């Protein structure tokens, strides 16, 4: 059963962008894996909330979701092809000859294993409802992969019940939570001797403790010490292509963000950026020396840092 992304965030379709962001922050703070170590239920809920926010916070993705539902969630969805297919269905009385082809097939640019079968849709409808080559039903299932596997691409080996040999499924680089992969001929058998249906795998991506993905961009919260923030520093930062050295500018403030161009997610010819946000961390232990050091620092705060803070 399809999940309503608005319900996942506890908002309705009339909610503003600010409402959606506020709801996400509240839920993410409560459900983040760092606050619920080992709690699989919270981890699963956090993943669902993050997926809903990535869609509803983007005006274009939200508009497509409102029009097509879950079929529009993954990158590469071709809205024009989907609309054309819907019109074709209406022209032929509401569907193709076997009833097993859906709007989810109308995607562009994913390669054969992503099920770009739009050209077959009209051939299917032209056969009519009485065709003896009725295809078997499709079977839907899910596979879960790690965050880094989704970004880099990976291969997953499946043991299907209908074949003795394991089946290797290629996950292309840049896959997102909700992407679908169609495996032709691995669905249910046809009841009257036609070709078998397909196996449609939905990809689920486990959330990362430190990284967040927004489209093709990655966002990293980078802890730094008081000294690193005040004096500046050079720090190693992990990226998909190996660690790079990032220069923390002098007097860096907590929340300040730097962009590393072309260090985000690559999908086809497109590549995003990595945004690094500094988070100044204080020592956790209590000590008189620390109190004295803080008092000394306060003497240099000779301006009102909250001046002009009003509604």
Protein backbone atom coordinates (compact mmCIF):
# COMPACT_ATOMS: atom_id res chain seq x y z
CA UNK A 1 0.00 0.00 0.00
CA UNK A 2 1.34 3.41 -0.97
CA UNK A 3 2.56 5.63 1.85
CA UNK A 4 1.29 9.21 2.07
CA UNK A 5 4.36 11.44 2.46
CA UNK A 6 2.27 14.20 4.01
CA UNK A 7 1.12 11.79 6.71
CA UNK A 8 4.73 10.73 7.31
CA UNK A 9 5.54 14.32 8.33
CA UNK A 10 2.23 14.94 10.06
CA UNK A 11 1.22 17.76 7.70
CA UNK A 12 -1.45 18.18 5.02
CA UNK A 13 -1.34 19.13 1.35
CA UNK A 14 -2.03 22.79 2.12
CA UNK A 15 1.05 23.08 4.34
CA UNK A 16 3.64 25.72 3.47
CA UNK A 17 7.36 25.07 2.97
CA UNK A 18 7.95 26.48 6.45
CA UNK A 19 5.39 24.08 7.94
CA UNK A 20 7.05 21.12 6.26
CA UNK A 21 10.54 22.15 7.39
CA UNK A 22 9.38 22.67 10.96
CA UNK A 23 7.66 19.27 11.07
CA UNK A 24 10.74 17.54 9.65
CA UNK A 25 13.14 19.13 12.14
CA UNK A 26 10.94 18.11 15.04
CA UNK A 27 10.67 14.49 13.88
CA UNK A 28 14.31 14.19 12.78
CA UNK A 29 15.53 15.45 16.15
CA UNK A 30 13.42 12.84 17.92
CA UNK A 31 14.14 9.90 15.60
CA UNK A 32 17.79 10.41 14.59
CA UNK A 33 19.84 7.17 14.94
CA UNK A 34 22.36 8.96 17.17
CA UNK A 35 19.61 9.46 19.76
CA UNK A 36 18.20 5.95 19.34
CA UNK A 37 21.20 3.61 18.95
CA UNK A 38 20.12 0.11 18.02
CA UNK A 39 16.44 1.03 17.75
CA UNK A 40 15.48 -0.39 14.34
CA UNK A 41 11.95 0.98 14.54
CA UNK A 42 13.19 4.55 15.06
CA UNK A 43 15.78 4.08 12.31
CA UNK A 44 13.10 2.92 9.89
CA UNK A 45 10.82 5.81 10.83
CA UNK A 46 13.69 8.31 10.48
CA UNK A 47 14.40 6.97 7.01
CA UNK A 48 10.75 7.37 6.01
CA UNK A 49 10.58 10.91 7.41
CA UNK A 50 13.80 11.91 5.63
CA UNK A 51 12.50 10.50 2.35
CA UNK A 52 9.23 12.42 2.72
CA UNK A 53 11.06 15.68 3.47
CA UNK A 54 13.41 15.36 0.49
CA UNK A 55 10.38 15.20 -1.77
CA UNK A 56 8.00 17.70 -0.16
CA UNK A 57 10.67 20.36 0.51
CA UNK A 58 11.42 20.59 -3.22
CA UNK A 59 8.63 22.49 -5.03
CA UNK A 60 9.15 20.63 -8.31
CA UNK A 61 9.27 17.18 -6.72
CA UNK A 62 6.28 18.05 -4.57
CA UNK A 63 4.24 19.08 -7.61
CA UNK A 64 5.08 15.83 -9.41
CA UNK A 65 4.26 13.80 -6.30
CA UNK A 66 0.90 15.55 -5.97
CA UNK A 67 0.16 14.67 -9.62
CA UNK A 68 1.56 11.13 -9.91
CA UNK A 69 2.02 9.89 -6.35
CA UNK A 70 4.87 7.51 -5.53
CA UNK A 71 5.59 6.90 -9.22
CA UNK A 72 7.23 10.33 -9.41
CA UNK A 73 9.56 9.92 -6.43
CA UNK A 74 12.75 8.86 -8.09
CA UNK A 75 15.02 11.00 -10.22
CA UNK A 76 14.62 10.54 -13.95
CA UNK A 77 10.83 10.29 -13.87
CA UNK A 78 9.50 11.52 -17.23
CA UNK A 79 6.29 13.41 -16.49
CA UNK A 80 5.53 14.00 -20.18
CA UNK A 81 5.81 10.30 -20.97
CA UNK A 82 3.65 9.44 -17.97
CA UNK A 83 0.97 11.88 -19.10
CA UNK A 84 1.13 10.52 -22.65
CA UNK A 85 0.74 6.99 -21.34
CA UNK A 86 -2.25 7.96 -19.24
CA UNK A 87 -3.86 9.52 -22.30
CA UNK A 88 -3.17 6.35 -24.28
CA UNK A 89 -4.83 4.26 -21.59
CA UNK A 90 -7.90 6.45 -21.71
CA UNK A 91 -7.97 6.22 -25.51
CA UNK A 92 -7.93 2.43 -25.35
CA UNK A 93 -10.56 2.14 -22.70
CA UNK A 94 -8.47 2.33 -19.57
CA UNK A 95 -5.53 -0.03 -20.01
CA UNK A 96 -3.29 -2.28 -22.03
CA UNK A 97 -3.79 -5.86 -23.05
CA UNK A 98 -2.36 -7.52 -19.94
CA UNK A 99 -2.94 -4.92 -17.24
CA UNK A 100 0.59 -5.36 -15.88
CA UNK A 101 2.22 -2.19 -17.22
CA UNK A 102 2.04 0.84 -14.93
CA UNK A 103 3.05 4.47 -14.91
CA UNK A 104 6.09 3.50 -12.84
CA UNK A 105 7.67 2.31 -16.10
CA UNK A 106 7.72 5.81 -17.61
CA UNK A 107 11.20 6.91 -16.56
CA UNK A 108 14.07 8.23 -18.62
CA UNK A 109 17.80 7.63 -18.58
CA UNK A 110 18.15 4.77 -16.11
CA UNK A 111 19.40 2.02 -18.37
CA UNK A 112 17.70 -1.26 -19.16
CA UNK A 113 17.76 -2.49 -15.59
CA UNK A 114 15.80 0.57 -14.43
CA UNK A 115 12.86 -0.47 -16.58
CA UNK A 116 12.56 2.27 -19.19
CA UNK A 117 9.84 0.42 -21.06
CA UNK A 118 7.77 3.29 -22.35
CA UNK A 119 8.12 2.16 -25.95
CA UNK A 120 6.46 -1.14 -25.06
CA UNK A 121 3.42 0.46 -23.51
CA UNK A 122 1.69 1.30 -26.78
CA UNK A 123 2.58 -2.05 -28.30
CA UNK A 124 0.90 -3.63 -25.28
CA UNK A 125 -2.28 -1.61 -25.69
CA UNK A 126 -2.44 -2.37 -29.42
CA UNK A 127 -2.74 -6.11 -28.76
CA UNK A 128 -6.12 -5.57 -27.10
CA UNK A 129 -7.74 -7.25 -24.17
CA UNK A 130 -8.33 -10.60 -25.84
CA UNK A 131 -4.70 -11.43 -26.55
CA UNK A 132 -3.66 -15.01 -25.87
CA UNK A 133 -0.22 -13.78 -24.83
CA UNK A 134 -1.38 -12.54 -21.47
CA UNK A 135 1.61 -11.77 -19.31
CA UNK A 136 1.92 -13.07 -15.77
CA UNK A 137 1.55 -10.71 -12.83
CA UNK A 138 4.44 -8.60 -11.63
CA UNK A 139 5.85 -9.23 -8.17
CA UNK A 140 6.91 -6.33 -5.95
CA UNK A 141 9.67 -6.63 -3.37
CA UNK A 142 12.30 -4.49 -1.61
CA UNK A 143 16.05 -4.55 -1.11
CA UNK A 144 17.89 -2.48 1.49
CA UNK A 145 21.38 -1.11 0.86
CA UNK A 146 23.77 1.10 2.79
CA UNK A 147 24.03 4.85 2.20
CA UNK A 148 27.51 4.62 0.63
CA UNK A 149 26.45 1.71 -1.60
CA UNK A 150 23.64 3.81 -3.02
CA UNK A 151 26.01 6.66 -3.82
CA UNK A 152 28.78 4.57 -5.37
CA UNK A 153 26.67 1.84 -6.91
CA UNK A 154 26.84 -1.81 -5.96
CA UNK A 155 25.73 -5.32 -6.85
CA UNK A 156 23.29 -7.36 -4.80
CA UNK A 157 22.97 -11.13 -5.14
CA UNK A 158 19.43 -12.49 -4.80
CA UNK A 159 18.32 -16.08 -4.44
CA UNK A 160 14.94 -16.32 -6.14
CA UNK A 161 12.52 -19.14 -5.54
CA UNK A 162 11.89 -19.78 -9.22
CA UNK A 163 15.53 -20.31 -10.22
CA UNK A 164 18.32 -22.41 -8.85
CA UNK A 165 21.12 -20.00 -9.64
CA UNK A 166 21.45 -16.74 -7.69
CA UNK A 167 20.64 -13.54 -9.58
CA UNK A 168 23.00 -10.55 -9.53
CA UNK A 169 21.27 -7.16 -9.53
CA UNK A 170 23.26 -4.06 -10.44
CA UNK A 171 22.42 -0.90 -8.49
CA UNK A 172 23.65 2.11 -10.52
CA UNK A 173 25.62 4.91 -8.81
CA UNK A 174 23.47 7.65 -7.36
CA UNK A 175 20.47 5.45 -6.56
CA UNK A 176 17.96 7.02 -4.20
CA UNK A 177 15.51 5.64 -1.70
CA UNK A 178 12.41 4.67 -3.67
CA UNK A 179 14.11 3.88 -7.00
CA UNK A 180 12.77 0.79 -8.74
CA UNK A 181 14.57 -1.87 -10.71
CA UNK A 182 12.62 -4.16 -13.02
CA UNK A 183 13.86 -7.72 -13.57
CA UNK A 184 12.09 -9.08 -16.62
CA UNK A 185 10.68 -12.59 -16.46
CA UNK A 186 11.06 -13.14 -12.71
CA UNK A 187 7.47 -12.46 -11.69
CA UNK A 188 4.50 -14.82 -11.60
CA UNK A 189 3.87 -17.29 -14.40
CA UNK A 190 1.16 -16.52 -16.96
CA UNK A 191 -2.07 -18.46 -16.32
CA UNK A 192 -2.48 -19.25 -20.03
CA UNK A 193 1.00 -19.80 -21.32
CA UNK A 194 2.12 -16.24 -21.93
CA UNK A 195 5.42 -14.76 -20.72
CA UNK A 196 6.00 -14.50 -16.98
CA UNK A 197 5.66 -11.18 -15.20
CA UNK A 198 8.50 -9.11 -13.84
CA UNK A 199 10.06 -8.67 -10.44
CA UNK A 200 10.00 -5.01 -9.43
CA UNK A 201 12.47 -4.19 -6.67
CA UNK A 202 12.10 -1.01 -4.65
CA UNK A 203 15.41 0.27 -3.29
CA UNK A 204 15.53 1.29 0.35
CA UNK A 205 18.59 3.21 1.56
CA UNK A 206 19.65 3.20 5.20
CA UNK A 207 20.23 6.72 6.57
CA UNK A 208 23.76 7.86 7.43
CA UNK A 209 24.62 9.08 10.92
CA UNK A 210 26.49 12.20 9.71
CA UNK A 211 25.60 12.74 6.05
CA UNK A 212 22.28 13.85 4.60
CA UNK A 213 21.39 13.72 0.92
CA UNK A 214 19.27 16.40 -0.76
CA UNK A 215 18.94 15.63 -4.44
CA UNK A 216 22.50 15.34 -5.72
CA UNK A 217 23.98 17.42 -2.88
CA UNK A 218 25.42 16.00 0.32
CA UNK A 219 25.36 17.82 3.66
CA UNK A 220 27.88 17.02 6.40
CA UNK A 221 27.92 18.32 9.98
CA UNK A 222 31.63 18.59 10.85
CA UNK A 223 32.58 18.89 14.54
CA UNK A 224 35.49 21.25 15.25
CA UNK A 225 37.18 22.33 18.49
CA UNK A 226 37.14 25.84 19.90
CA UNK A 227 40.80 26.22 18.92
CA UNK A 228 40.22 25.04 15.36
CA UNK A 229 37.34 27.45 14.97
CA UNK A 230 39.21 30.41 16.48
CA UNK A 231 42.64 29.94 14.91
CA UNK A 232 41.61 28.17 11.72
CA UNK A 233 42.78 24.68 10.78
CA UNK A 234 43.22 22.14 8.03
CA UNK A 235 41.00 19.09 8.49
CA UNK A 236 40.56 15.88 6.52
CA UNK A 237 37.02 15.46 5.23
CA UNK A 238 35.76 12.20 3.69
CA UNK A 239 34.23 12.30 0.19
CA UNK A 240 33.07 9.64 -2.26
CA UNK A 241 36.41 9.86 -4.06
CA UNK A 242 38.60 9.83 -0.95
CA UNK A 243 39.47 12.27 1.81
CA UNK A 244 40.23 15.89 0.95
CA UNK A 245 41.81 18.64 3.05
CA UNK A 246 39.40 21.38 4.07
CA UNK A 247 40.63 24.73 5.37
CA UNK A 248 38.64 25.95 8.34
CA UNK A 249 38.81 29.76 8.18
CA UNK A 250 39.87 31.76 11.21
CA UNK A 251 37.04 32.74 13.56
CA UNK A 252 34.74 30.12 12.03
CA UNK A 253 31.37 30.17 13.72
CA UNK A 254 29.21 27.20 14.59
CA UNK A 255 26.73 26.76 11.75
CA UNK A 256 28.97 28.38 9.13
CA UNK A 257 28.92 26.38 5.88
CA UNK A 258 31.47 25.82 3.12
CA UNK A 259 30.77 24.22 -0.25
CA UNK A 260 33.04 21.66 -1.88
CA UNK A 261 32.12 21.77 -5.55
CA UNK A 262 31.55 18.49 -7.41
CA UNK A 263 32.04 16.41 -4.25
CA UNK A 264 28.42 15.31 -3.99
CA UNK A 265 26.44 12.54 -5.67
CA UNK A 266 27.05 11.71 -9.32
CA UNK A 267 24.15 10.41 -11.37
CA UNK A 268 24.86 10.07 -15.04
CA UNK A 269 26.45 13.29 -16.29
CA UNK A 270 25.20 15.30 -13.31
CA UNK A 271 27.11 15.75 -10.06
CA UNK A 272 26.23 17.60 -6.90
CA UNK A 273 28.23 19.40 -4.23
CA UNK A 274 29.23 18.66 -0.63
CA UNK A 275 28.18 21.24 1.94
CA UNK A 276 30.18 21.16 5.17
CA UNK A 277 28.67 22.85 8.22
CA UNK A 278 30.96 23.57 11.16
CA UNK A 279 29.73 22.65 14.63
CA UNK A 280 31.94 23.98 17.43
CA UNK A 281 32.16 21.41 20.22
CA UNK A 282 32.98 22.19 23.83
CA UNK A 283 34.65 19.86 26.34
CA UNK A 284 32.02 17.84 28.17
CA UNK A 285 33.72 17.65 31.55
CA UNK A 286 33.34 20.33 34.25
CA UNK A 287 36.45 21.97 35.69
CA UNK A 288 37.46 25.18 37.44
CA UNK A 289 40.12 25.78 34.80
CA UNK A 290 37.49 25.59 32.07
CA UNK A 291 35.25 28.03 33.92
CA UNK A 292 38.16 30.48 34.25
CA UNK A 293 39.02 30.12 30.56
CA UNK A 294 35.42 30.85 29.58
CA UNK A 295 35.38 33.90 31.84
CA UNK A 296 38.54 35.16 30.13
CA UNK A 297 36.92 34.70 26.72
CA UNK A 298 33.80 36.58 27.83
CA UNK A 299 35.90 39.70 28.39
CA UNK A 300 36.50 39.89 24.65
CA UNK A 301 32.81 39.73 23.78
CA UNK A 302 32.46 43.49 23.86
CA UNK A 303 29.47 43.65 21.48
CA UNK A 304 25.86 42.60 21.84
CA UNK A 305 25.79 39.43 19.72
CA UNK A 306 21.97 39.40 19.79
CA UNK A 307 21.49 43.00 18.76
CA UNK A 308 18.59 43.36 16.35
CA UNK A 309 17.18 39.91 17.20
CA UNK A 310 13.48 40.61 17.16
CA UNK A 311 10.29 39.64 15.39
